[in-house]
C-alpha cells in the first residue's frame, strides 16, 4: 500500500506542472494598444449597427492593424457585409475572415 501511495504522489508531482504550464501557454496575455482598441470598438460598433444583416454573433480581434472576424453569420451575404464593414474602419490594414455560415 505504501508503494501505491508513493507512485500516486509521484504521478501527481510530475503531471501537475505540465497541466499548469499548458494552461498558461493558452491564456490570452497580449494587451492591445489604444489604436488597436479603437479599431476593435469601431468595427464592433459598425457590425452591431448593421440593419440588413444580423451580425451580432461576430467576434472581432485586432492585432497590428489586422482585424480578425470569427463567429457565425446567417448567409454568405452577411459574411461579405461584415468584411466590407470592417474595411471601412480607419486604421484597418487587413481583414482575416474566419466567419462561418450557419447551416
PDB file of N, CA and C in Angstrom:
ATOM      1  N   UNK A   1       0.814  -1.189   0.000  1.00  0.00           N
ATOM      2  CA  UNK A   1       0.000   0.000   0.000  1.00  0.00           C
ATOM      3  C   UNK A   1       0.862   1.259   0.000  1.00  0.00           C
ATOM      4  N   UNK A   2       1.965   1.209   0.722  1.00  0.00           N
ATOM      5  CA  UNK A   2       2.868   2.345   0.797  1.00  0.00           C
ATOM      6  C   UNK A   2       3.463   2.661  -0.576  1.00  0.00           C
ATOM      7  N   UNK A   3       3.783   1.629  -1.354  1.00  0.00           N
ATOM      8  CA  UNK A   3       4.330   1.804  -2.694  1.00  0.00           C
ATOM      9  C   UNK A   3       3.295   2.479  -3.608  1.00  0.00           C
ATOM     10  N   UNK A   4       2.042   2.062  -3.497  1.00  0.00           N
ATOM     11  CA  UNK A   4       0.977   2.658  -4.301  1.00  0.00           C
ATOM     12  C   UNK A   4       0.852   4.160  -4.027  1.00  0.00           C
ATOM     13  N   UNK A   5       0.921   4.572  -2.787  1.00  0.00           N
ATOM     14  CA  UNK A   5       0.835   5.991  -2.425  1.00  0.00           C
ATOM     15  C   UNK A   5       2.012   6.768  -2.998  1.00  0.00           C
ATOM     16  N   UNK A   6       3.190   6.188  -2.964  1.00  0.00           N
ATOM     17  CA  UNK A   6       4.373   6.867  -3.497  1.00  0.00           C
ATOM     18  C   UNK A   6       4.268   7.051  -5.014  1.00  0.00           C
ATOM     19  N   UNK A   7       3.791   6.017  -5.695  1.00  0.00           N
ATOM     20  CA  UNK A   7       3.624   6.108  -7.149  1.00  0.00           C
ATOM     21  C   UNK A   7       2.565   7.147  -7.490  1.00  0.00           C
ATOM     22  N   UNK A   8       1.489   7.133  -6.763  1.00  0.00           N
ATOM     23  CA  UNK A   8       0.409   8.110  -6.983  1.00  0.00           C
ATOM     24  C   UNK A   8       0.921   9.525  -6.750  1.00  0.00           C
ATOM     25  N   UNK A   9       1.659   9.730  -5.672  1.00  0.00           N
ATOM     26  CA  UNK A   9       2.217  11.055  -5.370  1.00  0.00           C
ATOM     27  C   UNK A   9       3.185  11.487  -6.468  1.00  0.00           C
ATOM     28  N   UNK A  10       4.035  10.584  -6.921  1.00  0.00           N
ATOM     29  CA  UNK A  10       4.998  10.903  -7.973  1.00  0.00           C
ATOM     30  C   UNK A  10       4.285  11.283  -9.273  1.00  0.00           C
ATOM     31  N   UNK A  11       3.220  10.566  -9.585  1.00  0.00           N
ATOM     32  CA  UNK A  11       2.452  10.875 -10.803  1.00  0.00           C
ATOM     33  C   UNK A  11       1.840  12.265 -10.721  1.00  0.00           C
ATOM     34  N   UNK A  12       1.326  12.631  -9.581  1.00  0.00           N
ATOM     35  CA  UNK A  12       0.741  13.964  -9.393  1.00  0.00           C
ATOM     36  C   UNK A  12       1.814  15.028  -9.504  1.00  0.00           C
ATOM     37  N   UNK A  13       2.943  14.809  -8.873  1.00  0.00           N
ATOM     38  CA  UNK A  13       4.038  15.791  -8.894  1.00  0.00           C
ATOM     39  C   UNK A  13       4.551  16.006 -10.314  1.00  0.00           C
ATOM     40  N   UNK A  14       4.584  14.956 -11.121  1.00  0.00           N
ATOM     41  CA  UNK A  14       5.083  15.065 -12.485  1.00  0.00           C
ATOM     42  C   UNK A  14       4.059  15.726 -13.404  1.00  0.00           C
ATOM     43  N   UNK A  15       2.784  15.374 -13.292  1.00  0.00           N
ATOM     44  CA  UNK A  15       1.780  15.883 -14.231  1.00  0.00           C
ATOM     45  C   UNK A  15       1.267  17.277 -13.897  1.00  0.00           C
ATOM     46  N   UNK A  16       1.258  17.668 -12.658  1.00  0.00           N
ATOM     47  CA  UNK A  16       0.722  18.980 -12.272  1.00  0.00           C
ATOM     48  C   UNK A  16       1.433  20.142 -12.961  1.00  0.00           C
ATOM     49  N   UNK A  17       2.764  20.214 -12.966  1.00  0.00           N
ATOM     50  CA  UNK A  17       3.421  21.326 -13.664  1.00  0.00           C
ATOM     51  C   UNK A  17       3.142  21.345 -15.164  1.00  0.00           C
ATOM     52  N   UNK A  18       2.986  20.171 -15.760  1.00  0.00           N
ATOM     53  CA  UNK A  18       2.691  20.115 -17.190  1.00  0.00           C
ATOM     54  C   UNK A  18       1.319  20.707 -17.467  1.00  0.00           C
ATOM     55  N   UNK A  19       0.336  20.334 -16.669  1.00  0.00           N
ATOM     56  CA  UNK A  19      -1.026  20.843 -16.850  1.00  0.00           C
ATOM     57  C   UNK A  19      -1.069  22.350 -16.628  1.00  0.00           C
ATOM     58  N   UNK A  20      -0.437  22.821 -15.587  1.00  0.00           N
ATOM     59  CA  UNK A  20      -0.421  24.260 -15.294  1.00  0.00           C
ATOM     60  C   UNK A  20       0.312  25.012 -16.393  1.00  0.00           C
ATOM     61  N   UNK A  21       1.411  24.479 -16.874  1.00  0.00           N
ATOM     62  CA  UNK A  21       2.170  25.121 -17.944  1.00  0.00           C
ATOM     63  C   UNK A  21       1.386  25.225 -19.223  1.00  0.00           C
ATOM     64  N   UNK A  22       0.646  24.195 -19.576  1.00  0.00           N
ATOM     65  CA  UNK A  22      -0.168  24.219 -20.788  1.00  0.00           C
ATOM     66  C   UNK A  22      -1.272  25.257 -20.688  1.00  0.00           C
ATOM     67  N   UNK A  23      -1.869  25.393 -19.529  1.00  0.00           N
ATOM     68  CA  UNK A  23      -2.909  26.393 -19.356  1.00  0.00           C
ATOM     69  C   UNK A  23      -2.327  27.794 -19.472  1.00  0.00           C
ATOM     70  N   UNK A  24      -1.160  28.010 -18.948  1.00  0.00           N
ATOM     71  CA  UNK A  24      -0.543  29.330 -19.009  1.00  0.00           C
ATOM     72  C   UNK A  24      -0.195  29.697 -20.441  1.00  0.00           C
ATOM     73  N   UNK A  25       0.171  28.720 -21.263  1.00  0.00           N
ATOM     74  CA  UNK A  25       0.536  29.000 -22.642  1.00  0.00           C
ATOM     75  C   UNK A  25      -0.677  29.334 -23.501  1.00  0.00           C
ATOM     76  N   UNK A  26      -1.857  28.835 -23.145  1.00  0.00           N
ATOM     77  CA  UNK A  26      -3.039  29.080 -23.960  1.00  0.00           C
ATOM     78  C   UNK A  26      -3.824  30.313 -23.525  1.00  0.00           C
ATOM     79  N   UNK A  27      -3.515  30.880 -22.393  1.00  0.00           N
ATOM     80  CA  UNK A  27      -4.248  32.048 -21.905  1.00  0.00           C
ATOM     81  C   UNK A  27      -3.878  33.277 -22.731  1.00  0.00           C
ATOM     82  N   UNK A  28      -4.852  34.160 -22.912  1.00  0.00           N
ATOM     83  CA  UNK A  28      -4.595  35.405 -23.626  1.00  0.00           C
ATOM     84  C   UNK A  28      -3.855  36.358 -22.694  1.00  0.00           C
ATOM     85  N   UNK A  29      -2.634  36.683 -23.051  1.00  0.00           N
ATOM     86  CA  UNK A  29      -1.841  37.571 -22.210  1.00  0.00           C
ATOM     87  C   UNK A  29      -1.476  38.858 -22.933  1.00  0.00           C
ATOM     88  N   UNK A  30      -1.779  38.943 -24.233  1.00  0.00           N
ATOM     89  CA  UNK A  30      -1.428  40.127 -25.003  1.00  0.00           C
ATOM     90  C   UNK A  30      -2.361  41.283 -24.645  1.00  0.00           C
ATOM     91  N   UNK A  31      -1.792  42.461 -24.478  1.00  0.00           N
ATOM     92  CA  UNK A  31      -2.573  43.651 -24.174  1.00  0.00           C
ATOM     93  C   UNK A  31      -2.610  44.520 -25.424  1.00  0.00           C
ATOM     94  N   UNK A  32      -3.808  44.917 -25.833  1.00  0.00           N
ATOM     95  CA  UNK A  32      -3.938  45.763 -27.017  1.00  0.00           C
ATOM     96  C   UNK A  32      -3.508  47.186 -26.710  1.00  0.00           C
ATOM     97  N   UNK A  33      -2.915  47.836 -27.709  1.00  0.00           N
ATOM     98  CA  UNK A  33      -2.588  49.245 -27.545  1.00  0.00           C
ATOM     99  C   UNK A  33      -3.843  50.069 -27.842  1.00  0.00           C
ATOM    100  N   UNK A  34      -3.833  51.355 -27.512  1.00  0.00           N
ATOM    101  CA  UNK A  34      -5.042  52.180 -27.688  1.00  0.00           C
ATOM    102  C   UNK A  34      -5.562  52.219 -29.129  1.00  0.00           C
ATOM    103  N   UNK A  35      -4.670  52.218 -30.111  1.00  0.00           N
ATOM    104  CA  UNK A  35      -5.113  52.244 -31.505  1.00  0.00           C
ATOM    105  C   UNK A  35      -5.847  50.957 -31.869  1.00  0.00           C
ATOM    106  N   UNK A  36      -5.318  49.818 -31.431  1.00  0.00           N
ATOM    107  CA  UNK A  36      -5.985  48.549 -31.707  1.00  0.00           C
ATOM    108  C   UNK A  36      -7.335  48.476 -31.013  1.00  0.00           C
ATOM    109  N   UNK A  37      -7.405  48.984 -29.793  1.00  0.00           N
ATOM    110  CA  UNK A  37      -8.668  49.001 -29.062  1.00  0.00           C
ATOM    111  C   UNK A  37      -9.700  49.846 -29.806  1.00  0.00           C
ATOM    112  N   UNK A  38      -9.268  50.993 -30.329  1.00  0.00           N
ATOM    113  CA  UNK A  38     -10.174  51.874 -31.065  1.00  0.00           C
ATOM    114  C   UNK A  38     -10.673  51.202 -32.340  1.00  0.00           C
ATOM    115  N   UNK A  39      -9.782  50.499 -33.041  1.00  0.00           N
ATOM    116  CA  UNK A  39     -10.189  49.798 -34.260  1.00  0.00           C
ATOM    117  C   UNK A  39     -11.204  48.706 -33.919  1.00  0.00           C
ATOM    118  N   UNK A  40     -10.897  47.926 -32.895  1.00  0.00           N
ATOM    119  CA  UNK A  40     -11.801  46.842 -32.489  1.00  0.00           C
ATOM    120  C   UNK A  40     -13.176  47.387 -32.137  1.00  0.00           C
ATOM    121  N   UNK A  41     -13.216  48.445 -31.342  1.00  0.00           N
ATOM    122  CA  UNK A  41     -14.501  49.026 -30.937  1.00  0.00           C
ATOM    123  C   UNK A  41     -15.258  49.597 -32.128  1.00  0.00           C
ATOM    124  N   UNK A  42     -14.546  50.225 -33.062  1.00  0.00           N
ATOM    125  CA  UNK A  42     -15.203  50.792 -34.236  1.00  0.00           C
ATOM    126  C   UNK A  42     -15.813  49.705 -35.113  1.00  0.00           C
ATOM    127  N   UNK A  43     -15.064  48.629 -35.324  1.00  0.00           N
ATOM    128  CA  UNK A  43     -15.596  47.523 -36.128  1.00  0.00           C
ATOM    129  C   UNK A  43     -16.797  46.904 -35.432  1.00  0.00           C
ATOM    130  N   UNK A  44     -16.693  46.675 -34.125  1.00  0.00           N
ATOM    131  CA  UNK A  44     -17.819  46.101 -33.379  1.00  0.00           C
ATOM    132  C   UNK A  44     -19.046  46.997 -33.467  1.00  0.00           C
ATOM    133  N   UNK A  45     -18.858  48.311 -33.364  1.00  0.00           N
ATOM    134  CA  UNK A  45     -19.980  49.248 -33.435  1.00  0.00           C
ATOM    135  C   UNK A  45     -20.644  49.192 -34.807  1.00  0.00           C
ATOM    136  N   UNK A  46     -19.840  49.134 -35.870  1.00  0.00           N
ATOM    137  CA  UNK A  46     -20.406  49.047 -37.222  1.00  0.00           C
ATOM    138  C   UNK A  46     -21.202  47.748 -37.398  1.00  0.00           C
ATOM    139  N   UNK A  47     -20.673  46.658 -36.878  1.00  0.00           N
ATOM    140  CA  UNK A  47     -21.363  45.377 -37.014  1.00  0.00           C
ATOM    141  C   UNK A  47     -22.667  45.375 -36.226  1.00  0.00           C
ATOM    142  N   UNK A  48     -22.658  45.953 -35.031  1.00  0.00           N
ATOM    143  CA  UNK A  48     -23.862  45.993 -34.200  1.00  0.00           C
ATOM    144  C   UNK A  48     -24.924  46.905 -34.813  1.00  0.00           C
ATOM    145  N   UNK A  49     -24.499  47.964 -35.510  1.00  0.00           N
ATOM    146  CA  UNK A  49     -25.437  48.925 -36.094  1.00  0.00           C
ATOM    147  C   UNK A  49     -26.013  48.450 -37.420  1.00  0.00           C
ATOM    148  N   UNK A  50     -25.442  47.411 -37.986  1.00  0.00           N
ATOM    149  CA  UNK A  50     -25.894  46.902 -39.285  1.00  0.00           C
ATOM    150  C   UNK A  50     -27.342  46.415 -39.184  1.00  0.00           C
ATOM    151  N   UNK A  51     -28.186  46.925 -40.076  1.00  0.00           N
ATOM    152  CA  UNK A  51     -29.614  46.585 -40.042  1.00  0.00           C
ATOM    153  C   UNK A  51     -29.995  45.510 -41.066  1.00  0.00           C
ATOM    154  N   UNK A  52     -29.266  45.415 -42.181  1.00  0.00           N
ATOM    155  CA  UNK A  52     -29.660  44.476 -43.233  1.00  0.00           C
ATOM    156  C   UNK A  52     -29.226  43.041 -42.958  1.00  0.00           C
ATOM    157  N   UNK A  53     -28.232  42.859 -42.100  1.00  0.00           N
ATOM    158  CA  UNK A  53     -27.757  41.509 -41.773  1.00  0.00           C
ATOM    159  C   UNK A  53     -27.540  41.419 -40.267  1.00  0.00           C
ATOM    160  N   UNK A  54     -27.880  40.293 -39.683  1.00  0.00           N
ATOM    161  CA  UNK A  54     -27.681  40.092 -38.255  1.00  0.00           C
ATOM    162  C   UNK A  54     -26.224  39.683 -38.025  1.00  0.00           C
ATOM    163  N   UNK A  55     -25.426  40.614 -37.512  1.00  0.00           N
ATOM    164  CA  UNK A  55     -24.006  40.363 -37.292  1.00  0.00           C
ATOM    165  C   UNK A  55     -23.654  40.401 -35.810  1.00  0.00           C
ATOM    166  N   UNK A  56     -24.631  40.107 -34.962  1.00  0.00           N
ATOM    167  CA  UNK A  56     -24.408  40.190 -33.517  1.00  0.00           C
ATOM    168  C   UNK A  56     -23.549  39.049 -32.984  1.00  0.00           C
ATOM    169  N   UNK A  57     -23.401  37.960 -33.742  1.00  0.00           N
ATOM    170  CA  UNK A  57     -22.604  36.823 -33.273  1.00  0.00           C
ATOM    171  C   UNK A  57     -21.189  36.825 -33.864  1.00  0.00           C
ATOM    172  N   UNK A  58     -20.750  37.991 -34.331  1.00  0.00           N
ATOM    173  CA  UNK A  58     -19.408  38.114 -34.902  1.00  0.00           C
ATOM    174  C   UNK A  58     -18.461  38.642 -33.830  1.00  0.00           C
ATOM    175  N   UNK A  59     -17.353  37.939 -33.619  1.00  0.00           N
ATOM    176  CA  UNK A  59     -16.321  38.376 -32.685  1.00  0.00           C
ATOM    177  C   UNK A  59     -15.228  39.086 -33.463  1.00  0.00           C
ATOM    178  N   UNK A  60     -14.667  40.139 -32.850  1.00  0.00           N
ATOM    179  CA  UNK A  60     -13.644  40.957 -33.504  1.00  0.00           C
ATOM    180  C   UNK A  60     -12.409  41.021 -32.619  1.00  0.00           C
ATOM    181  N   UNK A  61     -11.255  40.756 -33.214  1.00  0.00           N
ATOM    182  CA  UNK A  61      -9.970  40.937 -32.538  1.00  0.00           C
ATOM    183  C   UNK A  61      -9.064  41.704 -33.485  1.00  0.00           C
ATOM    184  N   UNK A  62      -8.172  42.512 -32.919  1.00  0.00           N
ATOM    185  CA  UNK A  62      -7.266  43.318 -33.726  1.00  0.00           C
ATOM    186  C   UNK A  62      -5.842  43.128 -33.233  1.00  0.00           C
ATOM    187  N   UNK A  63      -4.924  43.016 -34.195  1.00  0.00           N
ATOM    188  CA  UNK A  63      -3.519  42.892 -33.857  1.00  0.00           C
ATOM    189  C   UNK A  63      -2.707  43.586 -34.945  1.00  0.00           C
ATOM    190  N   UNK A  64      -2.128  44.726 -34.621  1.00  0.00           N
ATOM    191  CA  UNK A  64      -1.279  45.440 -35.568  1.00  0.00           C
ATOM    192  C   UNK A  64      -1.988  45.870 -36.836  1.00  0.00           C
ATOM    193  N   UNK A  65      -3.218  46.321 -36.744  1.00  0.00           N
ATOM    194  CA  UNK A  65      -3.969  46.765 -37.917  1.00  0.00           C
ATOM    195  C   UNK A  65      -4.671  45.631 -38.655  1.00  0.00           C
ATOM    196  N   UNK A  66      -4.460  44.405 -38.199  1.00  0.00           N
ATOM    197  CA  UNK A  66      -5.129  43.258 -38.808  1.00  0.00           C
ATOM    198  C   UNK A  66      -6.366  42.935 -37.981  1.00  0.00           C
ATOM    199  N   UNK A  67      -7.519  42.907 -38.628  1.00  0.00           N
ATOM    200  CA  UNK A  67      -8.784  42.611 -37.955  1.00  0.00           C
ATOM    201  C   UNK A  67      -9.154  41.162 -38.243  1.00  0.00           C
ATOM    202  N   UNK A  68      -9.412  40.419 -37.184  1.00  0.00           N
ATOM    203  CA  UNK A  68      -9.810  39.017 -37.290  1.00  0.00           C
ATOM    204  C   UNK A  68     -11.299  38.908 -36.957  1.00  0.00           C
ATOM    205  N   UNK A  69     -12.078  38.430 -37.917  1.00  0.00           N
ATOM    206  CA  UNK A  69     -13.507  38.232 -37.711  1.00  0.00           C
ATOM    207  C   UNK A  69     -13.763  36.735 -37.546  1.00  0.00           C
ATOM    208  N   UNK A  70     -14.490  36.376 -36.503  1.00  0.00           N
ATOM    209  CA  UNK A  70     -14.854  34.981 -36.289  1.00  0.00           C
ATOM    210  C   UNK A  70     -16.271  34.924 -35.748  1.00  0.00           C
ATOM    211  N   UNK A  71     -16.876  33.763 -35.862  1.00  0.00           N
ATOM    212  CA  UNK A  71     -18.240  33.599 -35.385  1.00  0.00           C
ATOM    213  C   UNK A  71     -19.113  33.014 -36.463  1.00  0.00           C
ATOM    214  N   UNK A  72     -20.423  33.172 -36.277  1.00  0.00           N
ATOM    215  CA  UNK A  72     -21.399  32.580 -37.186  1.00  0.00           C
ATOM    216  C   UNK A  72     -22.310  33.658 -37.740  1.00  0.00           C
ATOM    217  N   UNK A  73     -22.555  33.592 -39.044  1.00  0.00           N
ATOM    218  CA  UNK A  73     -23.494  34.509 -39.705  1.00  0.00           C
ATOM    219  C   UNK A  73     -24.544  33.680 -40.427  1.00  0.00           C
ATOM    220  N   UNK A  74     -25.644  34.320 -40.786  1.00  0.00           N
ATOM    221  CA  UNK A  74     -26.783  33.605 -41.357  1.00  0.00           C
ATOM    222  C   UNK A  74     -26.617  33.257 -42.837  1.00  0.00           C
ATOM    223  N   UNK A  75     -25.813  34.041 -43.572  1.00  0.00           N
ATOM    224  CA  UNK A  75     -25.725  33.815 -45.013  1.00  0.00           C
ATOM    225  C   UNK A  75     -24.372  34.283 -45.553  1.00  0.00           C
ATOM    226  N   UNK A  76     -24.119  33.932 -46.807  1.00  0.00           N
ATOM    227  CA  UNK A  76     -22.899  34.405 -47.464  1.00  0.00           C
ATOM    228  C   UNK A  76     -22.910  35.917 -47.619  1.00  0.00           C
ATOM    229  N   UNK A  77     -24.099  36.486 -47.871  1.00  0.00           N
ATOM    230  CA  UNK A  77     -24.211  37.938 -47.983  1.00  0.00           C
ATOM    231  C   UNK A  77     -23.831  38.617 -46.665  1.00  0.00           C
ATOM    232  N   UNK A  78     -24.275  38.063 -45.551  1.00  0.00           N
ATOM    233  CA  UNK A  78     -23.937  38.623 -44.242  1.00  0.00           C
ATOM    234  C   UNK A  78     -22.438  38.520 -43.991  1.00  0.00           C
ATOM    235  N   UNK A  79     -21.839  37.430 -44.397  1.00  0.00           N
ATOM    236  CA  UNK A  79     -20.387  37.233 -44.253  1.00  0.00           C
ATOM    237  C   UNK A  79     -19.630  38.305 -45.036  1.00  0.00           C
ATOM    238  N   UNK A  80     -20.057  38.524 -46.273  1.00  0.00           N
ATOM    239  CA  UNK A  80     -19.431  39.538 -47.123  1.00  0.00           C
ATOM    240  C   UNK A  80     -19.646  40.947 -46.555  1.00  0.00           C
ATOM    241  N   UNK A  81     -20.831  41.194 -46.029  1.00  0.00           N
ATOM    242  CA  UNK A  81     -21.147  42.513 -45.459  1.00  0.00           C
ATOM    243  C   UNK A  81     -20.268  42.807 -44.246  1.00  0.00           C
ATOM    244  N   UNK A  82     -20.023  41.819 -43.406  1.00  0.00           N
ATOM    245  CA  UNK A  82     -19.169  42.008 -42.227  1.00  0.00           C
ATOM    246  C   UNK A  82     -17.758  42.394 -42.640  1.00  0.00           C
ATOM    247  N   UNK A  83     -17.242  41.751 -43.664  1.00  0.00           N
ATOM    248  CA  UNK A  83     -15.893  42.070 -44.146  1.00  0.00           C
ATOM    249  C   UNK A  83     -15.849  43.495 -44.691  1.00  0.00           C
ATOM    250  N   UNK A  84     -16.853  43.874 -45.471  1.00  0.00           N
ATOM    251  CA  UNK A  84     -16.896  45.235 -46.028  1.00  0.00           C
ATOM    252  C   UNK A  84     -16.960  46.281 -44.925  1.00  0.00           C
ATOM    253  N   UNK A  85     -17.769  46.033 -43.908  1.00  0.00           N
ATOM    254  CA  UNK A  85     -17.866  46.985 -42.795  1.00  0.00           C
ATOM    255  C   UNK A  85     -16.528  47.115 -42.061  1.00  0.00           C
ATOM    256  N   UNK A  86     -15.836  46.020 -41.883  1.00  0.00           N
ATOM    257  CA  UNK A  86     -14.529  46.068 -41.212  1.00  0.00           C
ATOM    258  C   UNK A  86     -13.536  46.891 -42.014  1.00  0.00           C
ATOM    259  N   UNK A  87     -13.558  46.745 -43.334  1.00  0.00           N
ATOM    260  CA  UNK A  87     -12.649  47.514 -44.184  1.00  0.00           C
ATOM    261  C   UNK A  87     -12.930  49.012 -44.126  1.00  0.00           C
ATOM    262  N   UNK A  88     -14.139  49.418 -43.792  1.00  0.00           N
ATOM    263  CA  UNK A  88     -14.495  50.841 -43.744  1.00  0.00           C
ATOM    264  C   UNK A  88     -13.884  51.574 -42.552  1.00  0.00           C
ATOM    265  N   UNK A  89     -13.382  50.863 -41.567  1.00  0.00           N
ATOM    266  CA  UNK A  89     -12.842  51.480 -40.359  1.00  0.00           C
ATOM    267  C   UNK A  89     -11.423  51.978 -40.622  1.00  0.00           C
ATOM    268  N   UNK A  90     -11.167  53.183 -40.205  1.00  0.00           N
ATOM    269  CA  UNK A  90      -9.846  53.792 -40.367  1.00  0.00           C
ATOM    270  C   UNK A  90      -8.807  53.021 -39.554  1.00  0.00           C
ATOM    271  N   UNK A  91      -7.660  52.742 -40.172  1.00  0.00           N
ATOM    272  CA  UNK A  91      -6.574  52.047 -39.496  1.00  0.00           C
ATOM    273  C   UNK A  91      -6.516  50.562 -39.790  1.00  0.00           C
ATOM    274  N   UNK A  92      -7.543  50.042 -40.451  1.00  0.00           N
ATOM    275  CA  UNK A  92      -7.552  48.618 -40.789  1.00  0.00           C
ATOM    276  C   UNK A  92      -6.652  48.404 -42.004  1.00  0.00           C
ATOM    277  N   UNK A  93      -5.685  47.504 -41.855  1.00  0.00           N
ATOM    278  CA  UNK A  93      -4.763  47.193 -42.945  1.00  0.00           C
ATOM    279  C   UNK A  93      -5.121  45.887 -43.639  1.00  0.00           C
ATOM    280  N   UNK A  94      -5.661  44.940 -42.886  1.00  0.00           N
ATOM    281  CA  UNK A  94      -6.033  43.632 -43.418  1.00  0.00           C
ATOM    282  C   UNK A  94      -7.224  43.099 -42.630  1.00  0.00           C
ATOM    283  N   UNK A  95      -8.096  42.377 -43.311  1.00  0.00           N
ATOM    284  CA  UNK A  95      -9.208  41.703 -42.640  1.00  0.00           C
ATOM    285  C   UNK A  95      -9.068  40.205 -42.888  1.00  0.00           C
ATOM    286  N   UNK A  96      -8.986  39.451 -41.807  1.00  0.00           N
ATOM    287  CA  UNK A  96      -8.919  37.996 -41.892  1.00  0.00           C
ATOM    288  C   UNK A  96     -10.301  37.463 -41.520  1.00  0.00           C
ATOM    289  N   UNK A  97     -10.907  36.771 -42.469  1.00  0.00           N
ATOM    290  CA  UNK A  97     -12.289  36.330 -42.327  1.00  0.00           C
ATOM    291  C   UNK A  97     -12.342  34.862 -41.930  1.00  0.00           C
ATOM    292  N   UNK A  98     -12.740  34.606 -40.680  1.00  0.00           N
ATOM    293  CA  UNK A  98     -12.952  33.246 -40.199  1.00  0.00           C
ATOM    294  C   UNK A  98     -14.431  33.013 -39.890  1.00  0.00           C
ATOM    295  N   UNK A  99     -15.300  33.769 -40.539  1.00  0.00           N
ATOM    296  CA  UNK A  99     -16.734  33.646 -40.298  1.00  0.00           C
ATOM    297  C   UNK A  99     -17.291  32.388 -40.940  1.00  0.00           C
ATOM    298  N   UNK A 100     -18.180  31.720 -40.222  1.00  0.00           N
ATOM    299  CA  UNK A 100     -18.830  30.527 -40.740  1.00  0.00           C
ATOM    300  C   UNK A 100     -20.294  30.840 -41.020  1.00  0.00           C
ATOM    301  N   UNK A 101     -20.793  30.281 -42.112  1.00  0.00           N
ATOM    302  CA  UNK A 101     -22.197  30.475 -42.471  1.00  0.00           C
ATOM    303  C   UNK A 101     -23.024  29.404 -41.779  1.00  0.00           C
ATOM    304  N   UNK A 102     -24.085  29.842 -41.132  1.00  0.00           N
ATOM    305  CA  UNK A 102     -24.992  28.947 -40.407  1.00  0.00           C
ATOM    306  C   UNK A 102     -25.628  27.949 -41.379  1.00  0.00           C
ATOM    307  N   UNK A 103     -25.721  26.723 -40.941  1.00  0.00           N
ATOM    308  CA  UNK A 103     -26.300  25.695 -41.821  1.00  0.00           C
ATOM    309  C   UNK A 103     -27.737  25.439 -41.472  1.00  0.00           C
TER     310      UNK A 103
END
